[in-house]
Protein backbone atom coordinates (compact mmCIF):
# COMPACT_ATOMS: atom_id res chain seq x y z
CA MET A 1 29.80 -10.39 1.33
CA ARG A 2 32.66 -8.76 -0.56
CA MET A 3 30.81 -5.43 -0.37
CA MET A 4 29.98 -5.92 3.32
CA GLY A 5 33.55 -6.67 4.33
CA LYS A 6 34.80 -8.38 7.47
CA GLY A 7 33.06 -7.30 10.63
CA GLY A 8 29.64 -7.18 8.96
CA VAL A 9 26.80 -9.66 9.37
CA ALA A 10 23.74 -9.81 7.12
CA ILE A 11 20.57 -11.38 8.50
CA LEU A 12 17.70 -12.39 6.23
CA PRO A 13 14.65 -14.20 7.62
CA ALA A 14 12.37 -16.32 5.45
CA ALA A 15 8.81 -15.23 4.81
CA GLN A 16 6.28 -16.38 7.38
CA PRO A 17 3.13 -18.30 6.37
CA ARG A 18 0.03 -16.09 6.43
CA MET A 19 -3.50 -17.13 7.37
CA ARG A 20 -6.30 -16.51 4.89
CA ASN A 21 -9.00 -17.35 7.42
CA ARG A 22 -9.20 -19.47 10.55
CA ASP A 23 -7.14 -22.58 9.68
CA VAL A 24 -6.53 -21.93 5.96
CA GLN A 25 -3.23 -20.43 4.78
CA TYR A 26 -2.53 -18.29 1.77
CA PRO A 27 -0.30 -20.10 -0.74
CA TYR A 28 3.21 -19.78 0.61
CA ARG A 29 5.80 -17.80 -1.31
CA GLN A 30 9.33 -17.26 -0.11
CA ASP A 31 10.64 -13.74 0.50
CA SER A 32 12.32 -12.55 -2.71
CA ASP A 33 15.52 -11.30 -1.07
CA PHE A 34 15.88 -14.53 0.92
CA TYR A 35 15.30 -16.73 -2.12
CA TYR A 36 17.62 -14.64 -4.30
CA LEU A 37 20.53 -15.46 -2.00
CA THR A 38 19.62 -18.99 -0.91
CA GLY A 39 17.30 -20.73 -3.38
CA PHE A 40 15.64 -22.11 -0.24
CA SER A 41 11.84 -22.13 -0.38
CA GLU A 42 10.86 -23.28 3.13
CA PRO A 43 9.47 -21.09 5.93
CA GLU A 44 10.98 -20.92 9.42
CA ALA A 45 14.50 -20.23 8.20
CA VAL A 46 17.13 -17.52 8.68
CA ALA A 47 20.11 -16.90 6.38
CA VAL A 48 23.22 -15.34 7.90
CA LEU A 49 26.15 -13.96 5.90
CA ALA A 50 29.22 -13.30 8.02
CA PRO A 51 32.36 -12.56 5.97
CA GLY A 52 35.44 -14.05 7.59
CA ARG A 53 33.53 -16.22 10.09
CA ALA A 54 35.64 -19.25 10.97
CA GLY A 55 32.67 -21.61 11.20
CA GLY A 56 31.49 -20.72 7.70
CA GLU A 57 30.55 -17.45 6.05
CA TYR A 58 27.08 -18.60 4.97
CA LEU A 59 25.03 -20.06 7.81
CA LEU A 60 21.46 -21.26 7.33
CA PHE A 61 19.08 -21.97 10.18
CA CYS A 62 16.19 -24.17 9.06
CA ARG A 63 13.67 -26.73 10.29
CA ASP A 64 14.81 -30.18 11.35
CA ARG A 65 13.56 -33.24 9.52
CA ASN A 66 10.36 -34.48 11.18
CA PRO A 67 8.65 -37.55 9.66
CA GLN A 68 5.37 -36.89 11.48
CA ARG A 69 5.09 -33.25 10.35
CA GLU A 70 6.33 -34.12 6.86
CA THR A 71 3.42 -36.55 6.52
CA TRP A 72 1.08 -33.61 6.96
CA ASP A 73 2.96 -30.70 5.37
CA GLY A 74 5.52 -32.14 2.95
CA THR A 75 9.22 -32.94 2.91
CA ARG A 76 11.70 -30.70 4.70
CA ALA A 77 15.31 -30.27 3.63
CA GLY A 78 16.80 -30.33 7.13
CA PRO A 79 20.23 -28.95 8.07
CA ALA A 80 22.22 -31.72 6.34
CA ASN A 81 20.56 -31.12 2.97
CA ALA A 82 20.80 -27.36 3.48
CA VAL A 83 24.55 -27.84 3.17
CA SER A 84 24.65 -30.51 0.47
CA GLN A 85 21.82 -29.19 -1.75
CA PHE A 86 21.69 -25.46 -1.04
CA GLY A 87 25.33 -24.57 -0.58
CA ALA A 88 25.35 -23.42 3.03
CA ASP A 89 28.75 -23.57 4.71
CA GLU A 90 27.00 -24.56 7.91
CA ALA A 91 23.36 -25.31 8.71
CA LEU A 92 21.69 -25.61 12.09
CA SER A 93 18.25 -26.23 13.51
CA ILE A 94 16.04 -23.12 13.59
CA GLY A 95 15.52 -23.96 17.26
CA LYS A 96 19.12 -22.90 17.94
CA VAL A 97 18.85 -19.44 16.41
CA ASP A 98 18.22 -17.70 19.76
CA ASP A 99 21.39 -19.20 21.22
CA ILE A 100 23.79 -18.88 18.31
CA LEU A 101 22.80 -15.80 16.28
CA PRO A 102 23.20 -13.31 19.18
CA LYS A 103 26.77 -14.55 19.61
CA ILE A 104 27.50 -13.95 15.93
CA ILE A 105 25.99 -10.49 16.22
CA ALA A 106 28.09 -9.76 19.29
CA ALA A 107 31.26 -10.55 17.34
CA SER A 108 30.27 -8.14 14.55
CA GLU A 109 30.73 -4.44 14.02
CA ARG A 110 27.87 -3.90 11.58
CA ILE A 111 24.44 -5.47 11.06
CA TYR A 112 22.88 -5.54 7.59
CA TYR A 113 19.14 -6.05 7.95
CA THR A 114 15.87 -4.75 6.47
CA MET A 115 13.89 -3.37 9.39
CA GLY A 116 10.11 -3.35 8.90
CA ALA A 117 9.89 -6.10 6.29
CA HIS A 118 9.46 -8.85 8.90
CA PRO A 119 7.83 -7.34 12.03
CA GLU A 120 7.91 -10.57 14.03
CA PHE A 121 11.62 -11.03 13.45
CA ASP A 122 12.25 -7.32 14.12
CA GLN A 123 11.14 -7.90 17.69
CA ARG A 124 13.49 -10.84 18.15
CA LEU A 125 16.42 -8.91 16.73
CA THR A 126 15.81 -5.82 18.85
CA GLY A 127 15.49 -8.10 21.87
CA TRP A 128 18.92 -9.60 21.18
CA LEU A 129 20.42 -6.14 20.68
CA SER A 130 18.88 -4.86 23.91
CA ALA A 131 20.36 -7.79 25.79
CA LEU A 132 23.78 -7.20 24.26
CA GLY A 133 23.61 -3.52 25.13
CA ALA A 134 22.65 -4.29 28.71
CA HIS A 135 25.67 -6.53 29.15
CA GLY A 136 28.06 -4.22 27.32
CA GLY A 137 28.77 -2.10 30.37
CA MET A 138 30.09 -5.15 32.22
CA GLY A 139 32.53 -5.91 29.44
CA ILE A 140 30.91 -9.25 28.68
CA THR A 141 30.06 -8.42 25.10
CA HIS A 142 28.91 -5.49 22.99
CA ALA A 143 26.29 -4.53 20.46
CA PRO A 144 27.41 -3.73 16.89
CA ASP A 145 28.20 -0.09 16.26
CA GLN A 146 26.31 0.22 12.96
CA PHE A 147 22.89 -0.85 11.68
CA ILE A 148 22.66 -0.76 7.87
CA ALA A 149 19.76 -1.61 5.55
CA VAL A 150 20.76 -4.66 3.53
CA ASP A 151 18.62 -3.26 0.67
CA HIS A 152 21.39 -0.80 -0.22
CA PHE A 153 23.57 -3.61 -1.58
CA LEU A 154 21.16 -6.44 -2.24
CA HIS A 155 18.58 -4.55 -4.29
CA ASP A 156 21.23 -3.10 -6.55
CA LEU A 157 22.45 -6.65 -7.22
CA ARG A 158 18.90 -7.74 -8.04
CA LEU A 159 18.50 -4.88 -10.51
CA TYR A 160 21.00 -6.45 -12.93
CA LYS A 161 19.75 -9.81 -14.20
CA SER A 162 22.13 -12.71 -14.78
CA ARG A 163 21.89 -15.11 -17.72
CA GLU A 164 20.11 -17.66 -15.50
CA GLU A 165 17.62 -15.09 -14.27
CA LEU A 166 16.83 -14.06 -17.84
CA VAL A 167 16.13 -17.68 -18.75
CA ALA A 168 13.41 -17.72 -16.09
CA MET A 169 12.06 -14.31 -17.09
CA ARG A 170 11.84 -15.24 -20.76
CA ARG A 171 10.02 -18.44 -19.82
CA ALA A 172 7.59 -16.47 -17.64
CA GLY A 173 7.05 -14.14 -20.58
CA ARG A 174 6.41 -16.97 -23.04
CA ILE A 175 3.83 -18.54 -20.76
CA ALA A 176 2.06 -15.18 -20.38
CA VAL A 177 2.09 -14.70 -24.16
CA GLN A 178 0.48 -18.11 -24.68
CA ALA A 179 -2.11 -17.36 -22.01
CA HIS A 180 -3.07 -14.05 -23.65
CA ARG A 181 -3.36 -15.75 -27.04
CA ARG A 182 -5.53 -18.47 -25.50
CA ALA A 183 -7.83 -15.92 -23.84
CA MET A 184 -8.21 -13.85 -27.00
CA SER A 185 -9.03 -16.90 -29.06
CA VAL A 186 -11.97 -17.99 -26.88
CA CYS A 187 -13.32 -14.51 -26.12
CA LYS A 188 -16.85 -13.65 -27.28
CA PRO A 189 -19.82 -11.61 -26.07
CA GLY A 190 -21.83 -13.28 -23.33
CA MET A 191 -18.86 -14.71 -21.46
CA TYR A 192 -17.95 -13.44 -18.00
CA GLU A 193 -14.70 -11.81 -16.99
CA TYR A 194 -13.95 -14.69 -14.62
CA GLN A 195 -14.19 -17.15 -17.52
CA ILE A 196 -11.48 -15.21 -19.32
CA GLU A 197 -9.43 -15.17 -16.11
CA ALA A 198 -9.80 -18.97 -15.91
CA GLU A 199 -8.10 -19.33 -19.28
CA TYR A 200 -5.04 -17.53 -17.93
CA LEU A 201 -4.93 -19.58 -14.75
CA HIS A 202 -5.18 -22.82 -16.71
CA GLU A 203 -2.30 -21.86 -18.99
CA PHE A 204 -0.10 -20.65 -16.14
CA HIS A 205 -0.55 -23.75 -14.00
CA SER A 206 -0.38 -26.21 -16.88
CA GLN A 207 3.11 -24.92 -17.69
CA GLY A 208 4.47 -24.96 -14.15
CA GLY A 209 3.85 -21.32 -13.35
CA ARG A 210 1.38 -19.33 -11.32
CA PRO A 211 -0.02 -15.80 -11.46
CA SER A 212 2.57 -13.18 -10.56
CA TYR A 213 -0.28 -10.92 -9.34
CA LEU A 214 -4.08 -10.87 -9.27
CA PRO A 215 -5.20 -10.75 -12.92
CA ILE A 216 -7.04 -7.62 -14.04
CA VAL A 217 -9.83 -8.57 -16.46
CA GLY A 218 -11.80 -5.41 -17.08
CA SER A 219 -14.51 -5.12 -19.72
CA GLY A 220 -16.44 -2.02 -20.77
CA PRO A 221 -16.43 0.47 -17.88
CA ASN A 222 -14.07 -1.76 -15.90
CA SER A 223 -11.35 -1.20 -18.49
CA CYS A 224 -10.99 2.28 -17.01
CA ILE A 225 -10.30 1.01 -13.45
CA LEU A 226 -6.54 0.62 -13.19
CA HIS A 227 -6.46 -2.05 -10.45
CA TYR A 228 -9.82 -3.72 -11.10
CA HIS A 229 -10.01 -7.20 -9.54
CA ALA A 230 -13.68 -8.20 -9.19
CA ASN A 231 -13.64 -9.88 -12.63
CA ASN A 232 -17.34 -10.70 -12.51
CA ARG A 233 -19.00 -8.61 -15.25
CA LYS A 234 -20.62 -10.09 -18.34
CA LEU A 235 -18.84 -9.22 -21.60
CA GLU A 236 -21.14 -7.18 -23.82
CA ASP A 237 -21.05 -6.79 -27.59
CA GLY A 238 -19.13 -3.58 -28.32
CA ASP A 239 -17.01 -3.69 -25.14
CA LEU A 240 -13.30 -3.38 -24.97
CA LEU A 241 -11.60 -5.92 -22.72
CA LEU A 242 -8.38 -4.91 -20.95
CA VAL A 243 -6.45 -7.81 -19.42
CA ASP A 244 -3.35 -7.27 -17.31
CA ALA A 245 -2.06 -10.75 -16.40
CA GLY A 246 1.43 -12.08 -15.82
CA CYS A 247 2.99 -15.40 -14.94
CA GLU A 248 5.59 -16.19 -12.27
CA TYR A 249 8.01 -18.95 -13.17
CA ASP A 250 10.81 -20.06 -10.82
CA TYR A 251 10.22 -16.91 -8.74
CA TYR A 252 10.54 -14.51 -11.71
CA ALA A 253 7.61 -12.50 -13.00
CA SER A 254 6.21 -11.41 -16.31
CA ASP A 255 3.75 -8.52 -16.52
CA VAL A 256 1.76 -8.20 -19.75
CA THR A 257 -1.31 -6.23 -20.78
CA ARG A 258 -3.38 -6.34 -23.95
CA THR A 259 -6.66 -4.70 -24.89
CA TRP A 260 -9.04 -6.07 -27.47
CA PRO A 261 -12.65 -5.77 -28.67
CA VAL A 262 -14.90 -8.48 -27.25
CA ASN A 263 -16.67 -8.95 -30.58
CA GLY A 264 -13.45 -8.94 -32.61
CA ARG A 265 -13.90 -5.51 -34.19
CA PHE A 266 -12.70 -2.18 -32.82
CA SER A 267 -15.16 0.68 -33.18
CA THR A 268 -13.85 3.84 -34.84
CA GLU A 269 -13.28 5.53 -31.48
CA GLN A 270 -11.77 2.43 -29.87
CA ARG A 271 -9.30 2.00 -32.72
CA ALA A 272 -8.36 5.68 -32.61
CA ILE A 273 -7.49 5.51 -28.90
CA TYR A 274 -5.78 2.15 -29.36
CA GLN A 275 -3.57 3.59 -32.10
CA VAL A 276 -2.47 6.49 -29.90
CA VAL A 277 -1.49 4.08 -27.13
CA LEU A 278 0.26 1.81 -29.63
CA ASP A 279 2.27 4.74 -30.99
CA ALA A 280 3.21 5.75 -27.45
CA HIS A 281 4.22 2.16 -26.70
CA ALA A 282 6.53 2.11 -29.74
CA ALA A 283 7.99 5.52 -28.90
CA ALA A 284 8.77 4.44 -25.33
CA ILE A 285 10.42 1.17 -26.38
CA ALA A 286 12.59 3.09 -28.84
CA GLU A 287 14.05 5.01 -25.89
CA VAL A 288 14.96 1.91 -23.87
CA ARG A 289 18.71 1.67 -24.45
CA PRO A 290 21.92 2.02 -22.45
CA GLY A 291 22.82 5.57 -21.49
CA ASN A 292 19.28 6.94 -21.53
CA PRO A 293 17.80 8.17 -18.24
CA TRP A 294 15.06 6.04 -16.70
CA ASN A 295 12.43 8.70 -17.39
CA GLN A 296 13.15 9.08 -21.12
CA PRO A 297 10.77 6.31 -22.28
CA HIS A 298 8.01 7.86 -20.15
CA GLU A 299 8.62 11.32 -21.60
CA ALA A 300 8.43 9.88 -25.11
CA ALA A 301 5.13 8.15 -24.34
CA VAL A 302 3.68 11.27 -22.71
CA ARG A 303 4.48 13.39 -25.75
CA VAL A 304 2.82 10.92 -28.14
CA VAL A 305 -0.26 10.51 -25.92
CA THR A 306 -0.66 14.27 -25.52
CA GLN A 307 -0.28 14.89 -29.25
CA GLY A 308 -2.72 12.09 -30.07
CA LEU A 309 -5.39 13.26 -27.63
CA LYS A 310 -5.01 16.79 -29.00
CA GLN A 311 -5.51 15.57 -32.56
CA LEU A 312 -8.63 13.66 -31.52
CA GLY A 313 -10.05 16.79 -29.86
CA LEU A 314 -9.92 15.34 -26.34
CA LEU A 315 -7.35 17.93 -25.25
CA GLU A 316 -7.29 21.55 -26.34
CA GLY A 317 -4.36 23.95 -26.44
CA SER A 318 -0.82 24.03 -27.75
CA LEU A 319 1.28 20.92 -27.36
CA ALA A 320 3.85 22.80 -25.28
CA GLU A 321 1.18 24.13 -22.92
CA LEU A 322 -0.50 20.73 -22.57
CA LEU A 323 2.81 19.08 -21.74
CA GLN A 324 3.74 21.78 -19.25
CA THR A 325 0.42 21.53 -17.41
CA ARG A 326 0.40 17.72 -17.65
CA ALA A 327 -3.08 17.80 -19.10
CA TYR A 328 -2.61 14.21 -20.24
CA GLN A 329 -2.84 12.99 -16.65
CA ARG A 330 -6.61 13.22 -16.83
CA PHE A 331 -6.49 10.23 -19.19
CA PHE A 332 -3.00 8.79 -18.57
CA MET A 333 -2.40 8.91 -14.83
CA HIS A 334 0.34 6.32 -14.27
CA ARG A 335 3.98 5.93 -15.20
CA THR A 336 4.99 4.20 -18.41
CA GLY A 337 6.81 1.40 -16.63
CA HIS A 338 8.57 -0.05 -13.61
CA TRP A 339 11.43 -2.42 -12.81
CA LEU A 340 10.55 -6.09 -13.27
CA GLY A 341 12.10 -9.22 -11.78
CA MET A 342 11.40 -11.43 -8.78
CA ASP A 343 8.83 -8.85 -7.72
CA VAL A 344 6.38 -7.51 -10.28
CA HIS A 345 7.24 -3.97 -9.16
CA ASP A 346 10.82 -4.95 -8.60
CA VAL A 347 13.46 -3.44 -6.37
CA GLY A 348 16.03 -0.86 -7.44
CA ASP A 349 16.33 2.91 -7.21
CA TYR A 350 14.81 5.02 -9.97
CA ARG A 351 16.83 8.06 -8.95
CA ILE A 352 20.38 8.44 -7.68
CA VAL A 353 21.18 11.71 -5.90
CA GLU A 354 17.98 13.25 -7.32
CA GLU A 355 18.93 12.35 -10.91
CA TRP A 356 17.10 9.74 -12.96
CA ARG A 357 19.04 6.51 -13.05
CA VAL A 358 20.76 5.70 -16.34
CA LEU A 359 19.63 2.51 -18.07
CA GLU A 360 22.29 -0.22 -18.28
CA PRO A 361 22.49 -3.69 -19.85
CA GLY A 362 20.86 -6.37 -17.72
CA MET A 363 18.10 -4.16 -16.35
CA THR A 364 14.53 -5.35 -17.00
CA LEU A 365 11.43 -3.17 -17.01
CA THR A 366 7.89 -2.87 -18.32
CA VAL A 367 6.64 -0.44 -20.95
CA GLU A 368 2.92 0.20 -20.45
CA PRO A 369 1.32 3.44 -21.65
CA GLY A 370 -2.45 3.71 -21.43
CA ILE A 371 -5.47 5.96 -21.98
CA TYR A 372 -8.65 5.71 -19.88
CA ILE A 373 -11.89 7.60 -20.54
CA PRO A 374 -14.50 6.60 -17.95
CA ALA A 375 -18.22 7.23 -18.37
CA GLY A 376 -19.25 10.68 -17.20
CA SER A 377 -16.01 12.37 -18.25
CA ARG A 378 -16.88 16.05 -18.29
CA GLY A 379 -16.66 17.73 -21.67
CA ILE A 380 -16.06 14.43 -23.47
CA ALA A 381 -18.63 13.13 -25.97
CA LYS A 382 -20.34 9.87 -24.95
CA HIS A 383 -18.95 7.91 -27.88
CA TRP A 384 -15.53 8.11 -26.16
CA TRP A 385 -16.79 6.85 -22.80
CA ASN A 386 -15.75 3.47 -21.36
CA ILE A 387 -12.69 3.22 -23.56
CA GLY A 388 -9.73 2.02 -21.54
CA VAL A 389 -6.61 0.87 -23.40
CA ARG A 390 -3.24 -0.27 -22.06
CA ILE A 391 -0.48 -2.11 -23.92
CA GLU A 392 2.31 -3.57 -21.79
CA ASP A 393 5.42 -5.56 -22.63
CA ASP A 394 8.49 -6.76 -20.72
CA VAL A 395 11.77 -5.29 -21.92
CA LEU A 396 15.44 -6.09 -21.30
CA VAL A 397 18.11 -3.45 -21.74
CA THR A 398 20.87 -4.92 -23.92
CA LYS A 399 24.34 -3.64 -24.78
CA ASP A 400 23.12 -2.03 -28.01
CA GLY A 401 19.43 -1.35 -27.35
CA CYS A 402 16.70 -3.54 -25.94
CA GLU A 403 14.94 -6.87 -26.28
CA VAL A 404 11.15 -7.06 -25.97
CA MET A 405 10.86 -10.37 -24.16
CA THR A 406 7.11 -10.63 -24.85
CA ARG A 407 7.34 -9.58 -28.51
CA ASP A 408 5.56 -12.74 -29.71
CA LEU A 409 2.25 -11.37 -28.46
CA PRO A 410 0.85 -9.13 -31.23
CA VAL A 411 0.02 -5.47 -30.70
CA ASP A 412 -1.12 -4.65 -34.24
CA PRO A 413 -4.89 -3.98 -34.13
CA ASP A 414 -5.66 -5.94 -37.30
CA THR A 415 -3.78 -8.98 -36.00
CA ILE A 416 -5.54 -8.74 -32.66
CA GLU A 417 -8.94 -8.59 -34.38
CA ALA A 418 -8.06 -11.79 -36.24
CA LEU A 419 -7.09 -13.52 -32.98
CA VAL A 420 -10.24 -12.66 -31.06
CA GLY A 421 -12.74 -15.52 -31.15
CA ALA A 422 -10.56 -17.60 -33.49
CA ALA A 423 -11.13 -20.75 -31.42
CA ALA A 424 -14.91 -20.42 -31.50
């Protein structure tokens, strides 16, 4: 509100429930921006920030208490508790939003709102603005002069994590680490990918979390599919298993990937590719520190991957030429990381005025280089086929370097071999 200044009004609607099929809903999750500002997890709500408003600068519209509906759907906070428990200056029934919010808008000079994120609410807002504009000529009221995306301010705030946010992120990371360890320990040939996935889900839910995204459990050829989700193949002796699975705890995500041999022993080729990715992972993490541009960890990983593939004979030519032509993208086709927070691919600009953003303390990101060699790769010997390796950790930029928040999950290949099947 300090950045908005008097005369501005920010409007943030809650996420709407979504239907999975007929009368079954998807699990409800609050909109990240809305929850970031309010801590309020119910649907059918609208948060309004109006600096300088006499009736209260933070107004929350929410559902009324309703014993009959609460018997079916669970307890509601209601307007009174929205003030006492969630810090609203004023709270009103969501049924009054059409009467009251247009009047607040009419008294404002600028609207801060994310158009397109909530299509249903977009229509209501444009309807209010059209009505205000129609009456403006008669001097009754007026429409605000400016319409500004609230993302410009809000997403920059979300990019820098507070101490409380980091507590949640570290907890989400610890749960993910324990889930990966659990899955490795029970893994053996003959299991199915969905059985491995079940180990993650059990660990997440038993510790008060839930998946922060659909787990990727890809064995053998599926390890080379970046966003594989079927998770229904049988694990075969000699396969690699790539698992990308993170936990969400108190609305904050972890995002962790490990790759291991199903039978507990890397083949010569699997270990060679794994070591290249591990070296790239270490090189990228070494570049995560204040003052470095966002892209520097990626450039470090790319150089190591290119050099490693060249040494293994999978790329031919001079290192400078291979880097210039981006020959590595045949096997390493994604970025080395992304912002991490309430959203797995979290908000925040990567560039500012066409320049890579500089890393600063409090920013959190992933580091996840990978190499993928699918079957049928032209010019590549068959003993390299179906090797897909990715190693991903969650990293916090600190004042003097970085903290790997998921460091307790091993990356050393010998240690990983010892973990696989240890519970059998």
